[in-house]
PDB file of N, CA and C in Angstrom:
ATOM      1  N   MET A   1     125.351  96.531 123.581  1.00  0.00           N
ATOM      2  CA  MET A   1     124.341  96.101 124.537  1.00  0.00           C
ATOM      3  C   MET A   1     123.405  97.270 124.828  1.00  0.00           C
ATOM      4  N   THR A   2     122.142  97.005 124.865  1.00  0.00           N
ATOM      5  CA  THR A   2     121.129  98.013 125.105  1.00  0.00           C
ATOM      6  C   THR A   2     121.080  98.357 126.589  1.00  0.00           C
ATOM      7  N   GLU A   3     120.967  99.651 126.882  1.00  0.00           N
ATOM      8  CA  GLU A   3     120.837 100.090 128.273  1.00  0.00           C
ATOM      9  C   GLU A   3     119.557  99.514 128.868  1.00  0.00           C
ATOM     10  N   GLN A   4     119.635  99.127 130.133  1.00  0.00           N
ATOM     11  CA  GLN A   4     118.485  98.552 130.808  1.00  0.00           C
ATOM     12  C   GLN A   4     118.130  99.368 132.045  1.00  0.00           C
ATOM     13  N   VAL A   5     116.846  99.339 132.372  1.00  0.00           N
ATOM     14  CA  VAL A   5     116.334  99.981 133.568  1.00  0.00           C
ATOM     15  C   VAL A   5     115.553  98.923 134.330  1.00  0.00           C
ATOM     16  N   ILE A   6     115.777  98.834 135.611  1.00  0.00           N
ATOM     17  CA  ILE A   6     115.003  97.895 136.420  1.00  0.00           C
ATOM     18  C   ILE A   6     114.024  98.703 137.255  1.00  0.00           C
ATOM     19  N   PHE A   7     112.750  98.399 137.068  1.00  0.00           N
ATOM     20  CA  PHE A   7     111.668  99.098 137.743  1.00  0.00           C
ATOM     21  C   PHE A   7     111.100  98.173 138.802  1.00  0.00           C
ATOM     22  N   THR A   8     110.971  98.679 140.027  1.00  0.00           N
ATOM     23  CA  THR A   8     110.370  97.891 141.101  1.00  0.00           C
ATOM     24  C   THR A   8     108.934  98.344 141.278  1.00  0.00           C
ATOM     25  N   ASN A   9     107.988  97.416 141.065  1.00  0.00           N
ATOM     26  CA  ASN A   9     106.575  97.779 141.151  1.00  0.00           C
ATOM     27  C   ASN A   9     106.110  97.813 142.608  1.00  0.00           C
ATOM     28  N   GLU A  10     104.828  98.101 142.803  1.00  0.00           N
ATOM     29  CA  GLU A  10     104.271  98.248 144.148  1.00  0.00           C
ATOM     30  C   GLU A  10     104.334  96.954 144.963  1.00  0.00           C
ATOM     31  N   ASP A  11     104.404  95.804 144.266  1.00  0.00           N
ATOM     32  CA  ASP A  11     104.489  94.519 144.945  1.00  0.00           C
ATOM     33  C   ASP A  11     105.930  94.115 145.264  1.00  0.00           C
ATOM     34  N   GLY A  12     106.875  94.990 144.928  1.00  0.00           N
ATOM     35  CA  GLY A  12     108.278  94.702 145.188  1.00  0.00           C
ATOM     36  C   GLY A  12     108.947  93.858 144.123  1.00  0.00           C
ATOM     37  N   GLU A  13     108.244  93.600 143.021  1.00  0.00           N
ATOM     38  CA  GLU A  13     108.809  92.815 141.925  1.00  0.00           C
ATOM     39  C   GLU A  13     109.652  93.711 141.021  1.00  0.00           C
ATOM     40  N   ASP A  14     110.807  93.207 140.613  1.00  0.00           N
ATOM     41  CA  ASP A  14     111.653  93.928 139.667  1.00  0.00           C
ATOM     42  C   ASP A  14     111.271  93.555 138.246  1.00  0.00           C
ATOM     43  N   ILE A  15     111.088  94.567 137.411  1.00  0.00           N
ATOM     44  CA  ILE A  15     110.762  94.366 135.997  1.00  0.00           C
ATOM     45  C   ILE A  15     111.856  95.042 135.189  1.00  0.00           C
ATOM     46  N   ARG A  16     112.450  94.292 134.292  1.00  0.00           N
ATOM     47  CA  ARG A  16     113.545  94.804 133.455  1.00  0.00           C
ATOM     48  C   ARG A  16     112.964  95.409 132.179  1.00  0.00           C
ATOM     49  N   PHE A  17     113.381  96.626 131.887  1.00  0.00           N
ATOM     50  CA  PHE A  17     112.995  97.302 130.655  1.00  0.00           C
ATOM     51  C   PHE A  17     114.251  97.638 129.866  1.00  0.00           C
ATOM     52  N   TYR A  18     114.112  97.648 128.547  1.00  0.00           N
ATOM     53  CA  TYR A  18     115.205  98.005 127.649  1.00  0.00           C
ATOM     54  C   TYR A  18     114.946  99.408 127.114  1.00  0.00           C
ATOM     55  N   VAL A  19     115.949 100.258 127.175  1.00  0.00           N
ATOM     56  CA  VAL A  19     115.811 101.640 126.741  1.00  0.00           C
ATOM     57  C   VAL A  19     115.971 101.710 125.225  1.00  0.00           C
ATOM     58  N   VAL A  20     114.917 102.173 124.549  1.00  0.00           N
ATOM     59  CA  VAL A  20     114.928 102.328 123.095  1.00  0.00           C
ATOM     60  C   VAL A  20     115.489 103.696 122.729  1.00  0.00           C
ATOM     61  N   GLU A  21     115.074 104.709 123.473  1.00  0.00           N
ATOM     62  CA  GLU A  21     115.503 106.090 123.208  1.00  0.00           C
ATOM     63  C   GLU A  21     115.379 106.887 124.489  1.00  0.00           C
ATOM     64  N   GLU A  22     116.167 107.954 124.569  1.00  0.00           N
ATOM     65  CA  GLU A  22     116.111 108.858 125.712  1.00  0.00           C
ATOM     66  C   GLU A  22     116.163 110.287 125.194  1.00  0.00           C
ATOM     67  N   THR A  23     115.411 111.174 125.825  1.00  0.00           N
ATOM     68  CA  THR A  23     115.436 112.585 125.455  1.00  0.00           C
ATOM     69  C   THR A  23     115.252 113.426 126.706  1.00  0.00           C
ATOM     70  N   LYS A  24     115.660 114.673 126.617  1.00  0.00           N
ATOM     71  CA  LYS A  24     115.522 115.593 127.741  1.00  0.00           C
ATOM     72  C   LYS A  24     114.692 116.783 127.277  1.00  0.00           C
ATOM     73  N   ILE A  25     113.600 117.044 127.996  1.00  0.00           N
ATOM     74  CA  ILE A  25     112.701 118.150 127.659  1.00  0.00           C
ATOM     75  C   ILE A  25     112.439 118.943 128.934  1.00  0.00           C
ATOM     76  N   ALA A  26     112.680 120.236 128.854  1.00  0.00           N
ATOM     77  CA  ALA A  26     112.454 121.142 129.985  1.00  0.00           C
ATOM     78  C   ALA A  26     113.135 120.628 131.252  1.00  0.00           C
ATOM     79  N   GLY A  27     114.337 120.094 131.104  1.00  0.00           N
ATOM     80  CA  GLY A  27     115.111 119.635 132.239  1.00  0.00           C
ATOM     81  C   GLY A  27     114.737 118.274 132.779  1.00  0.00           C
ATOM     82  N   VAL A  28     113.786 117.585 132.123  1.00  0.00           N
ATOM     83  CA  VAL A  28     113.349 116.262 132.569  1.00  0.00           C
ATOM     84  C   VAL A  28     113.821 115.223 131.555  1.00  0.00           C
ATOM     85  N   ASN A  29     114.448 114.152 132.050  1.00  0.00           N
ATOM     86  CA  ASN A  29     114.886 113.047 131.187  1.00  0.00           C
ATOM     87  C   ASN A  29     113.760 112.045 131.031  1.00  0.00           C
ATOM     88  N   TYR A  30     113.404 111.756 129.780  1.00  0.00           N
ATOM     89  CA  TYR A  30     112.363 110.789 129.467  1.00  0.00           C
ATOM     90  C   TYR A  30     112.981 109.591 128.777  1.00  0.00           C
ATOM     91  N   LEU A  31     112.463 108.410 129.067  1.00  0.00           N
ATOM     92  CA  LEU A  31     112.920 107.171 128.459  1.00  0.00           C
ATOM     93  C   LEU A  31     111.767 106.491 127.738  1.00  0.00           C
ATOM     94  N   LEU A  32     112.032 106.002 126.538  1.00  0.00           N
ATOM     95  CA  LEU A  32     111.101 105.131 125.834  1.00  0.00           C
ATOM     96  C   LEU A  32     111.635 103.726 126.042  1.00  0.00           C
ATOM     97  N   VAL A  33     110.862 102.883 126.722  1.00  0.00           N
ATOM     98  CA  VAL A  33     111.334 101.550 127.102  1.00  0.00           C
ATOM     99  C   VAL A  33     110.385 100.465 126.604  1.00  0.00           C
ATOM    100  N   THR A  34     110.934  99.249 126.447  1.00  0.00           N
ATOM    101  CA  THR A  34     110.141  98.076 126.096  1.00  0.00           C
ATOM    102  C   THR A  34     110.540  96.932 127.024  1.00  0.00           C
ATOM    103  N   GLU A  35     109.693  95.926 127.105  1.00  0.00           N
ATOM    104  CA  GLU A  35     109.993  94.771 127.941  1.00  0.00           C
ATOM    105  C   GLU A  35     110.866  93.753 127.211  1.00  0.00           C
ATOM    106  N   GLN A  36     110.886  93.793 125.880  1.00  0.00           N
ATOM    107  CA  GLN A  36     111.674  92.853 125.093  1.00  0.00           C
ATOM    108  C   GLN A  36     112.677  93.625 124.263  1.00  0.00           C
ATOM    109  N   GLU A  37     113.900  93.142 124.244  1.00  0.00           N
ATOM    110  CA  GLU A  37     114.976  93.870 123.578  1.00  0.00           C
ATOM    111  C   GLU A  37     114.875  93.843 122.055  1.00  0.00           C
ATOM    112  N   ASP A  38     114.581  92.697 121.470  1.00  0.00           N
ATOM    113  CA  ASP A  38     114.679  92.556 120.023  1.00  0.00           C
ATOM    114  C   ASP A  38     113.372  92.299 119.303  1.00  0.00           C
ATOM    115  N   ALA A  39     112.257  92.275 119.994  1.00  0.00           N
ATOM    116  CA  ALA A  39     110.987  91.941 119.356  1.00  0.00           C
ATOM    117  C   ALA A  39     110.021  93.119 119.465  1.00  0.00           C
ATOM    118  N   ASP A  40     108.986  93.062 118.622  1.00  0.00           N
ATOM    119  CA  ASP A  40     107.935  94.061 118.748  1.00  0.00           C
ATOM    120  C   ASP A  40     107.229  93.846 120.079  1.00  0.00           C
ATOM    121  N   SER A  41     107.062  94.908 120.803  1.00  0.00           N
ATOM    122  CA  SER A  41     106.360  94.804 122.076  1.00  0.00           C
ATOM    123  C   SER A  41     105.804  96.173 122.433  1.00  0.00           C
ATOM    124  N   GLU A  42     105.008  96.200 123.466  1.00  0.00           N
ATOM    125  CA  GLU A  42     104.471  97.466 123.916  1.00  0.00           C
ATOM    126  C   GLU A  42     105.607  98.323 124.457  1.00  0.00           C
ATOM    127  N   ALA A  43     105.486  99.616 124.229  1.00  0.00           N
ATOM    128  CA  ALA A  43     106.490 100.558 124.718  1.00  0.00           C
ATOM    129  C   ALA A  43     105.852 101.433 125.784  1.00  0.00           C
ATOM    130  N   TYR A  44     106.670 101.894 126.695  1.00  0.00           N
ATOM    131  CA  TYR A  44     106.219 102.742 127.782  1.00  0.00           C
ATOM    132  C   TYR A  44     107.128 103.957 127.860  1.00  0.00           C
ATOM    133  N   ILE A  45     106.581 105.046 128.318  1.00  0.00           N
ATOM    134  CA  ILE A  45     107.386 106.240 128.536  1.00  0.00           C
ATOM    135  C   ILE A  45     107.537 106.434 130.033  1.00  0.00           C
ATOM    136  N   MET A  46     108.789 106.545 130.443  1.00  0.00           N
ATOM    137  CA  MET A  46     109.109 106.755 131.844  1.00  0.00           C
ATOM    138  C   MET A  46     109.895 108.062 131.952  1.00  0.00           C
ATOM    139  N   LYS A  47     109.904 108.634 133.141  1.00  0.00           N
ATOM    140  CA  LYS A  47     110.748 109.799 133.362  1.00  0.00           C
ATOM    141  C   LYS A  47     111.599 109.571 134.592  1.00  0.00           C
ATOM    142  N   LYS A  48     112.786 110.154 134.544  1.00  0.00           N
ATOM    143  CA  LYS A  48     113.691 110.038 135.670  1.00  0.00           C
ATOM    144  C   LYS A  48     113.352 111.134 136.677  1.00  0.00           C
ATOM    145  N   VAL A  49     113.173 110.737 137.914  1.00  0.00           N
ATOM    146  CA  VAL A  49     112.908 111.688 138.993  1.00  0.00           C
ATOM    147  C   VAL A  49     113.827 111.344 140.161  1.00  0.00           C
ATOM    148  N   ALA A  50     114.167 112.330 140.974  1.00  0.00           N
ATOM    149  CA  ALA A  50     115.026 112.094 142.129  1.00  0.00           C
ATOM    150  C   ALA A  50     114.178 112.018 143.382  1.00  0.00           C
ATOM    151  N   GLU A  51     114.487 111.083 144.231  1.00  0.00           N
ATOM    152  CA  GLU A  51     113.832 110.971 145.522  1.00  0.00           C
ATOM    153  C   GLU A  51     114.419 112.031 146.450  1.00  0.00           C
ATOM    154  N   ASP A  52     113.607 112.616 147.312  1.00  0.00           N
ATOM    155  CA  ASP A  52     114.093 113.583 148.285  1.00  0.00           C
ATOM    156  C   ASP A  52     115.089 112.914 149.223  1.00  0.00           C
ATOM    157  N   GLY A  53     116.262 113.527 149.356  1.00  0.00           N
ATOM    158  CA  GLY A  53     117.272 113.011 150.266  1.00  0.00           C
ATOM    159  C   GLY A  53     117.945 111.748 149.793  1.00  0.00           C
ATOM    160  N   ASN A  54     117.682 111.328 148.572  1.00  0.00           N
ATOM    161  CA  ASN A  54     118.256 110.095 148.048  1.00  0.00           C
ATOM    162  C   ASN A  54     119.022 110.433 146.779  1.00  0.00           C
ATOM    163  N   GLU A  55     120.278 110.050 146.694  1.00  0.00           N
ATOM    164  CA  GLU A  55     121.085 110.364 145.515  1.00  0.00           C
ATOM    165  C   GLU A  55     120.755 109.467 144.331  1.00  0.00           C
ATOM    166  N   GLU A  56     120.084 108.353 144.561  1.00  0.00           N
ATOM    167  CA  GLU A  56     119.742 107.420 143.494  1.00  0.00           C
ATOM    168  C   GLU A  56     118.583 107.965 142.670  1.00  0.00           C
ATOM    169  N   LEU A  57     118.728 107.898 141.356  1.00  0.00           N
ATOM    170  CA  LEU A  57     117.629 108.330 140.489  1.00  0.00           C
ATOM    171  C   LEU A  57     116.573 107.250 140.415  1.00  0.00           C
ATOM    172  N   VAL A  58     115.338 107.682 140.364  1.00  0.00           N
ATOM    173  CA  VAL A  58     114.207 106.773 140.306  1.00  0.00           C
ATOM    174  C   VAL A  58     113.421 107.072 139.039  1.00  0.00           C
ATOM    175  N   CYS A  59     112.953 106.027 138.352  1.00  0.00           N
ATOM    176  CA  CYS A  59     112.120 106.199 137.161  1.00  0.00           C
ATOM    177  C   CYS A  59     110.673 105.891 137.525  1.00  0.00           C
ATOM    178  N   GLU A  60     109.763 106.659 136.915  1.00  0.00           N
ATOM    179  CA  GLU A  60     108.341 106.380 137.090  1.00  0.00           C
ATOM    180  C   GLU A  60     107.655 106.500 135.741  1.00  0.00           C
ATOM    181  N   PHE A  61     106.542 105.803 135.594  1.00  0.00           N
ATOM    182  CA  PHE A  61     105.783 105.864 134.355  1.00  0.00           C
ATOM    183  C   PHE A  61     105.112 107.218 134.218  1.00  0.00           C
ATOM    184  N   VAL A  62     105.079 107.731 132.993  1.00  0.00           N
ATOM    185  CA  VAL A  62     104.341 108.963 132.715  1.00  0.00           C
ATOM    186  C   VAL A  62     102.878 108.579 132.588  1.00  0.00           C
ATOM    187  N   GLU A  63     102.034 109.149 133.421  1.00  0.00           N
ATOM    188  CA  GLU A  63     100.616 108.806 133.433  1.00  0.00           C
ATOM    189  C   GLU A  63      99.712 109.953 133.011  1.00  0.00           C
ATOM    190  N   ASP A  64     100.195 111.189 133.090  1.00  0.00           N
ATOM    191  CA  ASP A  64      99.405 112.336 132.677  1.00  0.00           C
ATOM    192  C   ASP A  64      99.194 112.287 131.165  1.00  0.00           C
ATOM    193  N   GLU A  65      97.944 112.298 130.736  1.00  0.00           N
ATOM    194  CA  GLU A  65      97.615 112.121 129.310  1.00  0.00           C
ATOM    195  C   GLU A  65      98.240 113.201 128.418  1.00  0.00           C
ATOM    196  N   GLN A  66      98.207 114.457 128.848  1.00  0.00           N
ATOM    197  CA  GLN A  66      98.774 115.538 128.034  1.00  0.00           C
ATOM    198  C   GLN A  66     100.289 115.394 127.915  1.00  0.00           C
ATOM    199  N   GLU A  67     100.933 115.090 129.031  1.00  0.00           N
ATOM    200  CA  GLU A  67     102.385 114.898 129.024  1.00  0.00           C
ATOM    201  C   GLU A  67     102.745 113.692 128.165  1.00  0.00           C
ATOM    202  N   LEU A  68     101.994 112.619 128.315  1.00  0.00           N
ATOM    203  CA  LEU A  68     102.243 111.398 127.556  1.00  0.00           C
ATOM    204  C   LEU A  68     102.092 111.642 126.053  1.00  0.00           C
ATOM    205  N   ASP A  69     101.058 112.359 125.663  1.00  0.00           N
ATOM    206  CA  ASP A  69     100.826 112.668 124.254  1.00  0.00           C
ATOM    207  C   ASP A  69     101.967 113.509 123.684  1.00  0.00           C
ATOM    208  N   ALA A  70     102.376 114.524 124.423  1.00  0.00           N
ATOM    209  CA  ALA A  70     103.443 115.417 123.950  1.00  0.00           C
ATOM    210  C   ALA A  70     104.776 114.676 123.818  1.00  0.00           C
ATOM    211  N   ILE A  71     105.116 113.887 124.807  1.00  0.00           N
ATOM    212  CA  ILE A  71     106.396 113.174 124.785  1.00  0.00           C
ATOM    213  C   ILE A  71     106.393 112.076 123.733  1.00  0.00           C
ATOM    214  N   SER A  72     105.256 111.413 123.529  1.00  0.00           N
ATOM    215  CA  SER A  72     105.200 110.368 122.506  1.00  0.00           C
ATOM    216  C   SER A  72     105.418 110.960 121.117  1.00  0.00           C
ATOM    217  N   LYS A  73     104.954 112.180 120.887  1.00  0.00           N
ATOM    218  CA  LYS A  73     105.198 112.845 119.598  1.00  0.00           C
ATOM    219  C   LYS A  73     106.680 113.126 119.401  1.00  0.00           C
ATOM    220  N   VAL A  74     107.363 113.509 120.457  1.00  0.00           N
ATOM    221  CA  VAL A  74     108.808 113.754 120.377  1.00  0.00           C
ATOM    222  C   VAL A  74     109.534 112.456 120.042  1.00  0.00           C
ATOM    223  N   PHE A  75     109.185 111.372 120.718  1.00  0.00           N
ATOM    224  CA  PHE A  75     109.829 110.086 120.427  1.00  0.00           C
ATOM    225  C   PHE A  75     109.502 109.622 119.006  1.00  0.00           C
ATOM    226  N   ALA A  76     108.307 109.873 118.532  1.00  0.00           N
ATOM    227  CA  ALA A  76     107.945 109.499 117.164  1.00  0.00           C
ATOM    228  C   ALA A  76     108.831 110.231 116.152  1.00  0.00           C
ATOM    229  N   GLU A  77     109.149 111.488 116.434  1.00  0.00           N
ATOM    230  CA  GLU A  77     110.033 112.249 115.547  1.00  0.00           C
ATOM    231  C   GLU A  77     111.471 111.740 115.633  1.00  0.00           C
ATOM    232  N   LEU A  78     111.911 111.396 116.840  1.00  0.00           N
ATOM    233  CA  LEU A  78     113.272 110.896 117.010  1.00  0.00           C
ATOM    234  C   LEU A  78     113.467 109.538 116.354  1.00  0.00           C
ATOM    235  N   LEU A  79     112.418 108.731 116.345  1.00  0.00           N
ATOM    236  CA  LEU A  79     112.485 107.376 115.805  1.00  0.00           C
ATOM    237  C   LEU A  79     111.574 107.262 114.594  1.00  0.00           C
ATOM    238  N   GLU A  80     111.967 107.874 113.511  1.00  0.00           N
ATOM    239  CA  GLU A  80     111.129 107.924 112.311  1.00  0.00           C
ATOM    240  C   GLU A  80     110.770 106.539 111.784  1.00  0.00           C
ATOM    241  N   ASP A  81     111.647 105.551 111.997  1.00  0.00           N
ATOM    242  CA  ASP A  81     111.408 104.216 111.455  1.00  0.00           C
ATOM    243  C   ASP A  81     110.609 103.311 112.399  1.00  0.00           C
ATOM    244  N   VAL A  82     110.146 103.861 113.519  1.00  0.00           N
ATOM    245  CA  VAL A  82     109.386 103.085 114.499  1.00  0.00           C
ATOM    246  C   VAL A  82     107.967 103.626 114.574  1.00  0.00           C
ATOM    247  N   SER A  83     107.000 102.738 114.573  1.00  0.00           N
ATOM    248  CA  SER A  83     105.605 103.131 114.670  1.00  0.00           C
ATOM    249  C   SER A  83     105.196 103.178 116.147  1.00  0.00           C
ATOM    250  N   ILE A  84     104.692 104.335 116.571  1.00  0.00           N
ATOM    251  CA  ILE A  84     104.235 104.485 117.955  1.00  0.00           C
ATOM    252  C   ILE A  84     102.734 104.762 117.923  1.00  0.00           C
ATOM    253  N   GLU A  85     101.974 103.869 118.542  1.00  0.00           N
ATOM    254  CA  GLU A  85     100.534 104.020 118.601  1.00  0.00           C
ATOM    255  C   GLU A  85     100.108 104.145 120.053  1.00  0.00           C
ATOM    256  N   MET A  86      99.280 105.124 120.335  1.00  0.00           N
ATOM    257  CA  MET A  86      98.779 105.328 121.698  1.00  0.00           C
ATOM    258  C   MET A  86      97.595 104.392 121.927  1.00  0.00           C
ATOM    259  N   GLN A  87      97.582 103.743 123.083  1.00  0.00           N
ATOM    260  CA  GLN A  87      96.464 102.890 123.450  1.00  0.00           C
ATOM    261  C   GLN A  87      95.823 103.464 124.689  1.00  0.00           C
ATOM    262  N   GLU A  88      94.520 103.427 124.730  1.00  0.00           N
ATOM    263  CA  GLU A  88      93.768 103.944 125.878  1.00  0.00           C
ATOM    264  C   GLU A  88      93.719 102.919 126.965  1.00  0.00           C
TER     265      GLU A  88
END
């Protein structure tokens, strides 16, 4: 079974993502996730961050363009058989 992450958006809606790959760079855990487990779909890069005073880990989308570009290259190397294309 594929690991899943549930992301709660600003409207309070839960969105289920499936973890394709995970890596740790400079002490930060990054996740490559998709909305569909077995089909081609858009992929997103999230990072695990801790809330202040909260033991629960929280994931957020990587939005910084330089960070996103660098991490997507790492995932492309880890997943040689998967095509990763950046969309603006």
